[in-house]
């Protein structure tokens, strides 16, 4: 059974993960998705690239950006502002996951028995 730790929690949603199985749950708006660690990293990079694109600047509040999810035939439909907010959240969490990965790695300086 997973024992989740909160990586992000705010008005837009939350991101939690299980330190044991490394599964990540992302909630944003009305969507909740479970991802593996690798899927989350891929998703975060995709969101970051979309947030940097200037082609959506004229969209305003129109939900026109489709983000594919690992489940077949399931996507998130977002406004440019939502993509920007999601990119901020996923970048923050991606940074935390990198830190946890470093902390979990065995140290080369550990004393040998």
N, C-alpha and C. Protein backbone atom coordinates (compact mmCIF):
# COMPACT_ATOMS: atom_id res chain seq x y z
N UNK A 1 0.85 -1.18 0.00
CA UNK A 1 0.00 0.00 0.00
C UNK A 1 0.89 1.24 0.00
N UNK A 2 0.50 2.22 -0.76
CA UNK A 2 1.29 3.43 -0.89
C UNK A 2 1.07 4.38 0.29
N UNK A 3 2.14 5.02 0.70
CA UNK A 3 2.12 6.04 1.73
C UNK A 3 2.61 7.32 1.06
N UNK A 4 1.68 8.19 0.66
CA UNK A 4 2.02 9.33 -0.18
C UNK A 4 2.66 10.47 0.58
N UNK A 5 3.59 11.15 -0.10
CA UNK A 5 4.15 12.39 0.40
C UNK A 5 3.75 13.49 -0.58
N UNK A 6 3.43 14.64 -0.04
CA UNK A 6 2.99 15.77 -0.86
C UNK A 6 4.20 16.49 -1.42
N UNK A 7 4.23 16.63 -2.74
CA UNK A 7 5.30 17.36 -3.41
C UNK A 7 4.85 18.78 -3.77
N UNK A 8 3.56 18.94 -3.99
CA UNK A 8 2.99 20.26 -4.28
C UNK A 8 1.53 20.23 -3.87
N UNK A 9 1.07 21.33 -3.29
CA UNK A 9 -0.36 21.49 -2.98
C UNK A 9 -0.69 22.97 -3.08
N UNK A 10 -1.68 23.28 -3.88
CA UNK A 10 -2.09 24.67 -4.05
C UNK A 10 -3.50 24.75 -4.58
N UNK A 11 -3.95 25.94 -4.90
CA UNK A 11 -5.32 26.13 -5.37
C UNK A 11 -5.57 25.46 -6.72
N UNK A 12 -4.52 25.29 -7.52
CA UNK A 12 -4.69 24.68 -8.84
C UNK A 12 -4.72 23.16 -8.78
N UNK A 13 -4.22 22.58 -7.70
CA UNK A 13 -4.19 21.12 -7.61
C UNK A 13 -3.13 20.64 -6.66
N UNK A 14 -2.68 19.40 -6.88
CA UNK A 14 -1.65 18.83 -6.03
C UNK A 14 -0.85 17.80 -6.81
N UNK A 15 0.32 17.47 -6.28
CA UNK A 15 1.14 16.38 -6.78
C UNK A 15 1.64 15.62 -5.56
N UNK A 16 1.39 14.31 -5.55
CA UNK A 16 1.86 13.46 -4.47
C UNK A 16 2.60 12.28 -5.09
N UNK A 17 3.44 11.63 -4.28
CA UNK A 17 4.13 10.45 -4.77
C UNK A 17 4.33 9.45 -3.65
N UNK A 18 4.48 8.22 -4.02
CA UNK A 18 4.81 7.16 -3.08
C UNK A 18 6.31 6.95 -3.13
N UNK A 19 7.02 7.17 -2.02
CA UNK A 19 8.47 6.98 -2.03
C UNK A 19 8.88 5.53 -2.31
N UNK A 20 7.97 4.60 -2.01
CA UNK A 20 8.31 3.18 -2.21
C UNK A 20 8.20 2.77 -3.68
N UNK A 21 7.04 2.98 -4.29
CA UNK A 21 6.83 2.54 -5.68
C UNK A 21 7.17 3.64 -6.69
N UNK A 22 7.40 4.86 -6.21
CA UNK A 22 7.76 6.01 -7.05
C UNK A 22 6.62 6.48 -7.95
N UNK A 23 5.40 6.01 -7.70
CA UNK A 23 4.24 6.46 -8.46
C UNK A 23 3.88 7.89 -8.09
N UNK A 24 3.45 8.66 -9.09
CA UNK A 24 3.10 10.07 -8.90
C UNK A 24 1.64 10.26 -9.27
N UNK A 25 0.92 11.01 -8.45
CA UNK A 25 -0.46 11.39 -8.77
C UNK A 25 -0.51 12.90 -8.91
N UNK A 26 -1.00 13.33 -10.07
CA UNK A 26 -1.10 14.75 -10.39
C UNK A 26 -2.57 15.11 -10.49
N UNK A 27 -2.98 16.11 -9.74
CA UNK A 27 -4.34 16.65 -9.84
C UNK A 27 -4.23 18.09 -10.28
N UNK A 28 -4.93 18.42 -11.37
CA UNK A 28 -4.92 19.77 -11.88
C UNK A 28 -6.30 20.07 -12.44
N UNK A 29 -6.91 21.12 -11.93
CA UNK A 29 -8.28 21.44 -12.36
C UNK A 29 -9.21 20.30 -11.98
N UNK A 30 -9.88 19.73 -12.95
CA UNK A 30 -10.80 18.63 -12.70
C UNK A 30 -10.22 17.28 -13.09
N UNK A 31 -8.93 17.23 -13.37
CA UNK A 31 -8.29 16.00 -13.83
C UNK A 31 -7.32 15.47 -12.78
N UNK A 32 -7.38 14.17 -12.56
CA UNK A 32 -6.41 13.49 -11.70
C UNK A 32 -5.84 12.33 -12.51
N UNK A 33 -4.52 12.25 -12.54
CA UNK A 33 -3.87 11.20 -13.31
C UNK A 33 -2.75 10.58 -12.50
N UNK A 34 -2.62 9.26 -12.59
CA UNK A 34 -1.53 8.53 -11.95
C UNK A 34 -0.46 8.25 -13.00
N UNK A 35 0.78 8.56 -12.65
CA UNK A 35 1.90 8.42 -13.57
C UNK A 35 3.05 7.70 -12.90
N UNK A 36 3.85 7.01 -13.69
CA UNK A 36 5.12 6.51 -13.16
C UNK A 36 6.07 7.71 -13.07
N UNK A 37 7.17 7.53 -12.41
CA UNK A 37 8.14 8.62 -12.33
C UNK A 37 8.62 9.05 -13.71
N UNK A 38 8.90 8.09 -14.58
CA UNK A 38 9.36 8.40 -15.94
C UNK A 38 8.27 9.10 -16.74
N UNK A 39 7.03 8.67 -16.59
CA UNK A 39 5.92 9.33 -17.29
C UNK A 39 5.76 10.77 -16.81
N UNK A 40 5.93 11.00 -15.51
CA UNK A 40 5.82 12.36 -15.00
C UNK A 40 6.89 13.25 -15.59
N UNK A 41 8.13 12.77 -15.65
CA UNK A 41 9.22 13.57 -16.21
C UNK A 41 8.92 13.91 -17.67
N UNK A 42 8.47 12.94 -18.44
CA UNK A 42 8.12 13.17 -19.84
C UNK A 42 6.99 14.19 -19.95
N UNK A 43 5.97 14.05 -19.11
CA UNK A 43 4.83 14.97 -19.10
C UNK A 43 5.29 16.37 -18.74
N UNK A 44 6.13 16.50 -17.72
CA UNK A 44 6.63 17.81 -17.28
C UNK A 44 7.41 18.50 -18.39
N UNK A 45 8.23 17.74 -19.10
CA UNK A 45 9.00 18.31 -20.21
C UNK A 45 8.09 18.77 -21.35
N UNK A 46 7.05 17.99 -21.64
CA UNK A 46 6.10 18.36 -22.69
C UNK A 46 5.36 19.64 -22.31
N UNK A 47 4.91 19.74 -21.07
CA UNK A 47 4.19 20.92 -20.61
C UNK A 47 5.10 22.14 -20.66
N UNK A 48 6.34 21.97 -20.27
CA UNK A 48 7.30 23.08 -20.31
C UNK A 48 7.50 23.58 -21.74
N UNK A 49 7.65 22.67 -22.68
CA UNK A 49 7.81 23.07 -24.09
C UNK A 49 6.58 23.82 -24.59
N UNK A 50 5.39 23.33 -24.25
CA UNK A 50 4.16 24.00 -24.68
C UNK A 50 4.03 25.38 -24.06
N UNK A 51 4.43 25.52 -22.81
CA UNK A 51 4.33 26.81 -22.13
C UNK A 51 5.24 27.85 -22.77
N UNK A 52 6.34 27.41 -23.36
CA UNK A 52 7.29 28.32 -24.00
C UNK A 52 6.86 28.74 -25.40
N UNK A 53 5.94 28.00 -26.01
CA UNK A 53 5.49 28.34 -27.36
C UNK A 53 4.72 29.65 -27.37
N UNK A 54 4.97 30.45 -28.36
CA UNK A 54 4.30 31.75 -28.49
C UNK A 54 3.07 31.67 -29.38
N UNK A 55 2.80 30.51 -29.98
CA UNK A 55 1.68 30.39 -30.92
C UNK A 55 0.31 30.47 -30.24
N UNK A 56 0.27 30.31 -28.92
CA UNK A 56 -1.00 30.30 -28.20
C UNK A 56 -1.33 31.64 -27.54
N UNK A 57 -0.49 32.64 -27.74
CA UNK A 57 -0.68 33.92 -27.05
C UNK A 57 -2.02 34.58 -27.35
N UNK A 58 -2.54 34.42 -28.54
CA UNK A 58 -3.79 35.07 -28.95
C UNK A 58 -5.03 34.32 -28.47
N UNK A 59 -4.86 33.16 -27.87
CA UNK A 59 -6.00 32.32 -27.50
C UNK A 59 -6.81 32.87 -26.34
N UNK A 60 -6.21 33.67 -25.49
CA UNK A 60 -6.94 34.19 -24.33
C UNK A 60 -7.37 33.08 -23.40
N UNK A 61 -8.67 33.02 -23.11
CA UNK A 61 -9.20 32.02 -22.19
C UNK A 61 -9.80 30.81 -22.92
N UNK A 62 -9.46 30.66 -24.17
CA UNK A 62 -10.00 29.53 -24.94
C UNK A 62 -9.22 28.26 -24.61
N UNK A 63 -9.96 27.21 -24.27
CA UNK A 63 -9.33 25.91 -24.01
C UNK A 63 -9.03 25.27 -25.36
N UNK A 64 -7.77 25.37 -25.77
CA UNK A 64 -7.41 24.90 -27.10
C UNK A 64 -6.15 24.05 -27.13
N UNK A 65 -5.51 23.85 -26.00
CA UNK A 65 -4.27 23.09 -25.96
C UNK A 65 -4.56 21.71 -25.39
N UNK A 66 -4.29 20.68 -26.19
CA UNK A 66 -4.53 19.30 -25.78
C UNK A 66 -3.22 18.67 -25.30
N UNK A 67 -3.23 18.17 -24.09
CA UNK A 67 -2.08 17.46 -23.53
C UNK A 67 -2.43 15.98 -23.45
N UNK A 68 -1.76 15.14 -24.22
CA UNK A 68 -2.05 13.70 -24.14
C UNK A 68 -1.59 13.14 -22.80
N UNK A 69 -2.35 12.18 -22.31
CA UNK A 69 -2.02 11.49 -21.07
C UNK A 69 -1.71 10.04 -21.39
N UNK A 70 -1.06 9.32 -20.47
CA UNK A 70 -0.69 7.94 -20.75
C UNK A 70 -1.87 7.01 -21.05
N UNK A 71 -3.04 7.31 -20.55
CA UNK A 71 -4.22 6.48 -20.82
C UNK A 71 -4.66 6.68 -22.27
N UNK A 72 -5.10 5.61 -22.92
CA UNK A 72 -5.57 5.70 -24.29
C UNK A 72 -6.78 6.62 -24.40
N UNK A 73 -6.74 7.50 -25.38
CA UNK A 73 -7.87 8.38 -25.71
C UNK A 73 -8.23 9.36 -24.59
N UNK A 74 -7.28 9.72 -23.76
CA UNK A 74 -7.53 10.68 -22.68
C UNK A 74 -6.55 11.83 -22.82
N UNK A 75 -7.06 13.06 -22.78
CA UNK A 75 -6.23 14.26 -22.87
C UNK A 75 -6.74 15.30 -21.89
N UNK A 76 -5.86 16.23 -21.55
CA UNK A 76 -6.26 17.42 -20.79
C UNK A 76 -6.44 18.53 -21.82
N UNK A 77 -7.49 19.29 -21.70
CA UNK A 77 -7.75 20.43 -22.58
C UNK A 77 -7.61 21.69 -21.73
N UNK A 78 -6.63 22.54 -22.09
CA UNK A 78 -6.27 23.67 -21.24
C UNK A 78 -6.17 24.97 -22.01
N UNK A 79 -6.28 26.08 -21.26
CA UNK A 79 -6.00 27.41 -21.80
C UNK A 79 -4.50 27.64 -21.73
N UNK A 80 -3.97 28.63 -22.45
CA UNK A 80 -2.55 28.95 -22.33
C UNK A 80 -2.14 29.30 -20.90
N UNK A 81 -3.00 30.00 -20.18
CA UNK A 81 -2.69 30.35 -18.79
C UNK A 81 -2.60 29.08 -17.92
N UNK A 82 -3.49 28.13 -18.16
CA UNK A 82 -3.45 26.88 -17.40
C UNK A 82 -2.18 26.09 -17.73
N UNK A 83 -1.78 26.08 -18.99
CA UNK A 83 -0.55 25.39 -19.36
C UNK A 83 0.64 26.03 -18.66
N UNK A 84 0.66 27.35 -18.61
CA UNK A 84 1.74 28.06 -17.92
C UNK A 84 1.78 27.70 -16.44
N UNK A 85 0.63 27.69 -15.81
CA UNK A 85 0.54 27.34 -14.37
C UNK A 85 0.97 25.89 -14.15
N UNK A 86 0.51 24.99 -15.01
CA UNK A 86 0.88 23.58 -14.90
C UNK A 86 2.38 23.40 -15.12
N UNK A 87 2.96 24.17 -16.02
CA UNK A 87 4.40 24.10 -16.26
C UNK A 87 5.17 24.53 -15.01
N UNK A 88 4.70 25.56 -14.33
CA UNK A 88 5.35 26.00 -13.09
C UNK A 88 5.30 24.89 -12.03
N UNK A 89 4.14 24.26 -11.91
CA UNK A 89 3.95 23.20 -10.91
C UNK A 89 4.84 22.01 -11.23
N UNK A 90 4.80 21.56 -12.48
CA UNK A 90 5.58 20.37 -12.84
C UNK A 90 7.08 20.63 -12.76
N UNK A 91 7.51 21.85 -13.06
CA UNK A 91 8.94 22.18 -12.95
C UNK A 91 9.38 22.12 -11.49
N UNK A 92 8.55 22.66 -10.61
CA UNK A 92 8.86 22.63 -9.18
C UNK A 92 8.95 21.19 -8.68
N UNK A 93 7.99 20.37 -9.07
CA UNK A 93 7.97 18.98 -8.63
C UNK A 93 9.13 18.20 -9.25
N UNK A 94 9.42 18.46 -10.52
CA UNK A 94 10.54 17.79 -11.18
C UNK A 94 11.84 18.07 -10.43
N UNK A 95 12.02 19.30 -9.98
CA UNK A 95 13.18 19.65 -9.18
C UNK A 95 13.24 18.87 -7.87
N UNK A 96 12.10 18.77 -7.19
CA UNK A 96 12.05 17.99 -5.95
C UNK A 96 12.38 16.53 -6.19
N UNK A 97 11.84 15.96 -7.27
CA UNK A 97 12.11 14.56 -7.58
C UNK A 97 13.60 14.34 -7.85
N UNK A 98 14.23 15.30 -8.49
CA UNK A 98 15.68 15.21 -8.74
C UNK A 98 16.45 15.21 -7.42
N UNK A 99 16.03 16.04 -6.50
CA UNK A 99 16.68 16.09 -5.19
C UNK A 99 16.49 14.76 -4.45
N UNK A 100 15.27 14.23 -4.46
CA UNK A 100 15.01 12.95 -3.79
C UNK A 100 15.84 11.83 -4.42
N UNK A 101 16.01 11.87 -5.73
CA UNK A 101 16.81 10.85 -6.42
C UNK A 101 18.27 10.91 -5.95
N UNK A 102 18.78 12.12 -5.81
CA UNK A 102 20.15 12.30 -5.32
C UNK A 102 20.27 11.80 -3.88
N UNK A 103 19.30 12.15 -3.04
CA UNK A 103 19.34 11.74 -1.64
C UNK A 103 19.19 10.23 -1.47
N UNK A 104 18.43 9.60 -2.38
CA UNK A 104 18.22 8.15 -2.28
C UNK A 104 19.39 7.34 -2.83
N UNK A 105 20.23 7.96 -3.62
CA UNK A 105 21.37 7.24 -4.22
C UNK A 105 22.40 6.91 -3.15
N UNK A 106 22.98 5.72 -3.24
CA UNK A 106 24.02 5.37 -2.27
C UNK A 106 25.24 6.28 -2.46
N UNK A 107 25.80 6.68 -1.38
CA UNK A 107 26.96 7.56 -1.43
C UNK A 107 28.22 6.75 -1.72
N UNK A 108 29.08 7.27 -2.57
CA UNK A 108 30.35 6.61 -2.83
C UNK A 108 31.29 6.73 -1.66
N UNK A 109 30.95 7.59 -0.72
CA UNK A 109 31.82 7.83 0.43
C UNK A 109 31.36 7.05 1.68
N UNK A 110 30.32 6.21 1.53
CA UNK A 110 29.86 5.44 2.68
C UNK A 110 30.96 4.49 3.11
N UNK A 111 31.10 4.34 4.41
CA UNK A 111 32.14 3.45 4.94
C UNK A 111 31.80 2.02 4.59
N UNK A 112 32.83 1.28 4.19
CA UNK A 112 32.65 -0.14 3.92
C UNK A 112 32.86 -0.91 5.22
N UNK A 113 32.07 -1.97 5.37
CA UNK A 113 32.18 -2.80 6.58
C UNK A 113 33.33 -3.75 6.50
